[in-house]
Amino acid sequence: MPGMAVRRSTEAQRIGDAGERLVAMRLLAAGWTVLGRNVRVGRDELDLVAIDPGPPRTLVILEVRRRGRRDFGLAEETLDHRKRAALRRAIGGLLAVGALPDASPLPALPLRIDLVAIDNGPDGRPSVRHHRGIRP
């Protein structure tokens, strides 16, 4: 998968990377095709670009939000207006180019934007919620 070897330095970045790896593994296990992770589009980044086998077969941009603690709310609540604007900008840039950074063309499929939120459950294990078809 393109972009898999991204090194992060802060604790928040490491938590986010672990969340993206978890989601990518779950998608692959469910029969999805992961086209890229940490896909750079200009100064922005898309967490995951994948194909949902459907039906219908769909190109999906996945935004992964992970919280290590629930002190300040759920992971879904971290998708603020600034992050949504960056997500729209990155998706627009990706579609304008029509290819991933490694020059692989984007498949001609309908597009959907999903949010995957991850929090630690009471037992310390990740609680994963996949919201399909969000508005960025």
C-alpha atoms as a PDB file:
ATOM      1  CA  MET A   1       0.000   0.000   0.000  1.00  0.00           C
ATOM      2  CA  PRO A   2       1.457   3.384  -0.918  1.00  0.00           C
ATOM      3  CA  GLY A   3       2.372   5.641   1.963  1.00  0.00           C
ATOM      4  CA  MET A   4       2.509   2.881   4.568  1.00  0.00           C
ATOM      5  CA  ALA A   5       5.922   3.781   6.027  1.00  0.00           C
ATOM      6  CA  VAL A   6       5.115   7.119   7.615  1.00  0.00           C
ATOM      7  CA  ARG A   7       7.053   7.939  10.787  1.00  0.00           C
ATOM      8  CA  ARG A   8       5.450  10.189  13.391  1.00  0.00           C
ATOM      9  CA  SER A   9       7.036  11.733  16.421  1.00  0.00           C
ATOM     10  CA  THR A  10       4.360  12.960  18.827  1.00  0.00           C
ATOM     11  CA  GLU A  11       2.154  10.747  20.974  1.00  0.00           C
ATOM     12  CA  ALA A  12      -0.970  12.053  19.214  1.00  0.00           C
ATOM     13  CA  GLN A  13       0.560  11.209  15.823  1.00  0.00           C
ATOM     14  CA  ARG A  14       1.490   7.712  16.987  1.00  0.00           C
ATOM     15  CA  ILE A  15      -2.060   7.174  18.281  1.00  0.00           C
ATOM     16  CA  GLY A  16      -3.437   8.374  14.944  1.00  0.00           C
ATOM     17  CA  ASP A  17      -1.092   6.120  12.959  1.00  0.00           C
ATOM     18  CA  ALA A  18      -2.097   3.117  15.066  1.00  0.00           C
ATOM     19  CA  GLY A  19      -5.749   3.940  14.391  1.00  0.00           C
ATOM     20  CA  GLU A  20      -5.157   4.158  10.641  1.00  0.00           C
ATOM     21  CA  ARG A  21      -3.323   0.801  10.680  1.00  0.00           C
ATOM     22  CA  LEU A  22      -6.196  -0.781  12.613  1.00  0.00           C
ATOM     23  CA  VAL A  23      -8.772   0.561  10.151  1.00  0.00           C
ATOM     24  CA  ALA A  24      -6.705  -0.498   7.110  1.00  0.00           C
ATOM     25  CA  MET A  25      -6.380  -4.043   8.497  1.00  0.00           C
ATOM     26  CA  ARG A  26     -10.122  -4.241   9.182  1.00  0.00           C
ATOM     27  CA  LEU A  27     -10.964  -2.986   5.699  1.00  0.00           C
ATOM     28  CA  LEU A  28      -8.634  -5.526   4.076  1.00  0.00           C
ATOM     29  CA  ALA A  29     -10.138  -8.316   6.198  1.00  0.00           C
ATOM     30  CA  ALA A  30     -13.614  -7.217   5.002  1.00  0.00           C
ATOM     31  CA  GLY A  31     -12.575  -7.513   1.351  1.00  0.00           C
ATOM     32  CA  TRP A  32     -11.830  -3.848   0.641  1.00  0.00           C
ATOM     33  CA  THR A  33      -8.859  -2.750  -1.465  1.00  0.00           C
ATOM     34  CA  VAL A  34      -6.705  -0.091   0.214  1.00  0.00           C
ATOM     35  CA  LEU A  35      -5.191   2.100  -2.505  1.00  0.00           C
ATOM     36  CA  GLY A  36      -3.230   4.385  -0.199  1.00  0.00           C
ATOM     37  CA  ARG A  37      -2.643   5.529   3.343  1.00  0.00           C
ATOM     38  CA  ASN A  38      -1.507   9.011   4.357  1.00  0.00           C
ATOM     39  CA  VAL A  39      -2.020  10.199   0.787  1.00  0.00           C
ATOM     40  CA  ARG A  40      -0.435  13.636   0.391  1.00  0.00           C
ATOM     41  CA  VAL A  41      -2.370  16.107  -1.743  1.00  0.00           C
ATOM     42  CA  GLY A  42      -0.519  19.411  -1.728  1.00  0.00           C
ATOM     43  CA  ARG A  43      -0.157  20.426   1.901  1.00  0.00           C
ATOM     44  CA  ASP A  44      -3.073  18.219   2.957  1.00  0.00           C
ATOM     45  CA  GLU A  45      -3.329  14.516   3.627  1.00  0.00           C
ATOM     46  CA  LEU A  46      -6.027  11.877   3.226  1.00  0.00           C
ATOM     47  CA  ASP A  47      -5.865   9.131   5.846  1.00  0.00           C
ATOM     48  CA  LEU A  48      -7.054   6.269   3.638  1.00  0.00           C
ATOM     49  CA  VAL A  49      -8.196   5.874   0.045  1.00  0.00           C
ATOM     50  CA  ALA A  50      -9.901   2.551  -0.592  1.00  0.00           C
ATOM     51  CA  ILE A  51     -12.411   0.657  -2.681  1.00  0.00           C
ATOM     52  CA  ASP A  52     -15.511  -0.687  -0.948  1.00  0.00           C
ATOM     53  CA  PRO A  53     -16.426  -3.873  -2.848  1.00  0.00           C
ATOM     54  CA  GLY A  54     -20.089  -3.033  -2.310  1.00  0.00           C
ATOM     55  CA  PRO A  55     -22.473  -3.400  -3.773  1.00  0.00           C
ATOM     56  CA  PRO A  56     -22.194  -0.860  -5.165  1.00  0.00           C
ATOM     57  CA  ARG A  57     -18.445  -0.848  -5.692  1.00  0.00           C
ATOM     58  CA  THR A  58     -17.319   2.595  -4.481  1.00  0.00           C
ATOM     59  CA  LEU A  59     -14.164   4.696  -4.175  1.00  0.00           C
ATOM     60  CA  VAL A  60     -14.015   5.775  -0.534  1.00  0.00           C
ATOM     61  CA  ILE A  61     -11.982   8.468   1.206  1.00  0.00           C
ATOM     62  CA  LEU A  62     -11.771   7.570   4.894  1.00  0.00           C
ATOM     63  CA  GLU A  63     -11.008  10.084   7.607  1.00  0.00           C
ATOM     64  CA  VAL A  64      -9.810   8.286  10.735  1.00  0.00           C
ATOM     65  CA  ARG A  65     -10.193  10.062  14.075  1.00  0.00           C
ATOM     66  CA  ARG A  66      -8.789   8.439  17.192  1.00  0.00           C
ATOM     67  CA  ARG A  67      -8.873   9.540  20.771  1.00  0.00           C
ATOM     68  CA  GLY A  68      -6.718   7.977  23.426  1.00  0.00           C
ATOM     69  CA  ARG A  69      -9.089   9.212  26.167  1.00  0.00           C
ATOM     70  CA  ARG A  70     -12.703  10.354  26.382  1.00  0.00           C
ATOM     71  CA  ASP A  71     -12.075  13.249  28.777  1.00  0.00           C
ATOM     72  CA  PHE A  72     -12.916  15.786  26.084  1.00  0.00           C
ATOM     73  CA  GLY A  73     -15.544  13.906  24.083  1.00  0.00           C
ATOM     74  CA  LEU A  74     -15.742  11.286  21.381  1.00  0.00           C
ATOM     75  CA  ALA A  75     -13.405  10.910  18.424  1.00  0.00           C
ATOM     76  CA  GLU A  76     -16.196  12.032  16.054  1.00  0.00           C
ATOM     77  CA  GLU A  77     -16.197  15.419  17.762  1.00  0.00           C
ATOM     78  CA  THR A  78     -12.629  16.116  16.628  1.00  0.00           C
ATOM     79  CA  LEU A  79     -13.709  16.536  12.993  1.00  0.00           C
ATOM     80  CA  ASP A  80     -13.994  20.308  13.285  1.00  0.00           C
ATOM     81  CA  HIS A  81     -14.570  22.962  10.591  1.00  0.00           C
ATOM     82  CA  ARG A  82     -10.818  23.379   9.975  1.00  0.00           C
ATOM     83  CA  LYS A  83     -10.284  19.654   9.429  1.00  0.00           C
ATOM     84  CA  ARG A  84     -13.405  19.460   7.230  1.00  0.00           C
ATOM     85  CA  ALA A  85     -12.068  22.296   5.059  1.00  0.00           C
ATOM     86  CA  ALA A  86      -8.706  20.513   4.701  1.00  0.00           C
ATOM     87  CA  LEU A  87     -10.531  17.297   3.821  1.00  0.00           C
ATOM     88  CA  ARG A  88     -12.590  19.053   1.109  1.00  0.00           C
ATOM     89  CA  ARG A  89      -9.439  20.687  -0.272  1.00  0.00           C
ATOM     90  CA  ALA A  90      -7.535  17.382  -0.382  1.00  0.00           C
ATOM     91  CA  ILE A  91     -10.425  15.508  -2.012  1.00  0.00           C
ATOM     92  CA  GLY A  92     -10.815  18.261  -4.614  1.00  0.00           C
ATOM     93  CA  GLY A  93      -7.094  18.141  -5.373  1.00  0.00           C
ATOM     94  CA  LEU A  94      -7.065  14.364  -5.659  1.00  0.00           C
ATOM     95  CA  LEU A  95     -10.049  14.358  -8.014  1.00  0.00           C
ATOM     96  CA  ALA A  96      -8.569  17.167 -10.117  1.00  0.00           C
ATOM     97  CA  VAL A  97      -5.364  15.186 -10.664  1.00  0.00           C
ATOM     98  CA  GLY A  98      -7.266  11.917 -11.095  1.00  0.00           C
ATOM     99  CA  ALA A  99      -4.394   9.871  -9.708  1.00  0.00           C
ATOM    100  CA  LEU A 100      -2.673   8.929  -6.489  1.00  0.00           C
ATOM    101  CA  PRO A 101       0.774  10.407  -5.749  1.00  0.00           C
ATOM    102  CA  ASP A 102       2.417   7.254  -7.182  1.00  0.00           C
ATOM    103  CA  ALA A 103       0.633   8.062 -10.498  1.00  0.00           C
ATOM    104  CA  SER A 104      -1.855   5.158 -10.226  1.00  0.00           C
ATOM    105  CA  PRO A 105      -5.086   6.394 -11.751  1.00  0.00           C
ATOM    106  CA  LEU A 106      -8.144   6.706  -9.538  1.00  0.00           C
ATOM    107  CA  PRO A 107     -10.746   4.133 -10.514  1.00  0.00           C
ATOM    108  CA  ALA A 108     -13.841   5.516 -12.268  1.00  0.00           C
ATOM    109  CA  LEU A 109     -16.229   4.729  -9.430  1.00  0.00           C
ATOM    110  CA  PRO A 110     -18.773   6.682  -7.417  1.00  0.00           C
ATOM    111  CA  LEU A 111     -17.147   8.568  -4.518  1.00  0.00           C
ATOM    112  CA  ARG A 112     -18.095   8.372  -0.843  1.00  0.00           C
ATOM    113  CA  ILE A 113     -16.523   9.984   2.222  1.00  0.00           C
ATOM    114  CA  ASP A 114     -16.522   7.947   5.442  1.00  0.00           C
ATOM    115  CA  LEU A 115     -15.503   8.769   8.998  1.00  0.00           C
ATOM    116  CA  VAL A 116     -14.053   6.067  11.211  1.00  0.00           C
ATOM    117  CA  ALA A 117     -13.936   7.019  14.880  1.00  0.00           C
ATOM    118  CA  ILE A 118     -11.911   5.094  17.422  1.00  0.00           C
ATOM    119  CA  ASP A 119     -12.010   5.481  21.191  1.00  0.00           C
ATOM    120  CA  ASN A 120     -10.767   3.175  23.910  1.00  0.00           C
ATOM    121  CA  GLY A 121     -13.647   1.242  25.435  1.00  0.00           C
ATOM    122  CA  PRO A 122     -14.021   0.678  29.177  1.00  0.00           C
ATOM    123  CA  ASP A 123     -11.883  -2.467  28.874  1.00  0.00           C
ATOM    124  CA  GLY A 124      -9.091  -0.508  27.148  1.00  0.00           C
ATOM    125  CA  ARG A 125      -9.739  -2.146  23.771  1.00  0.00           C
ATOM    126  CA  PRO A 126     -10.515   0.055  20.769  1.00  0.00           C
ATOM    127  CA  SER A 127     -14.150   0.816  20.042  1.00  0.00           C
ATOM    128  CA  VAL A 128     -14.460   1.419  16.279  1.00  0.00           C
ATOM    129  CA  ARG A 129     -17.417   3.195  14.664  1.00  0.00           C
ATOM    130  CA  HIS A 130     -17.613   3.449  10.860  1.00  0.00           C
ATOM    131  CA  HIS A 131     -19.863   6.289   9.646  1.00  0.00           C
ATOM    132  CA  ARG A 132     -20.547   5.944   5.925  1.00  0.00           C
ATOM    133  CA  GLY A 133     -21.371   8.814   3.622  1.00  0.00           C
ATOM    134  CA  ILE A 134     -20.538  11.855   5.756  1.00  0.00           C
ATOM    135  CA  ARG A 135     -20.448  15.417   4.495  1.00  0.00           C
ATOM    136  CA  PRO A 136     -16.924  16.785   4.642  1.00  0.00           C
END
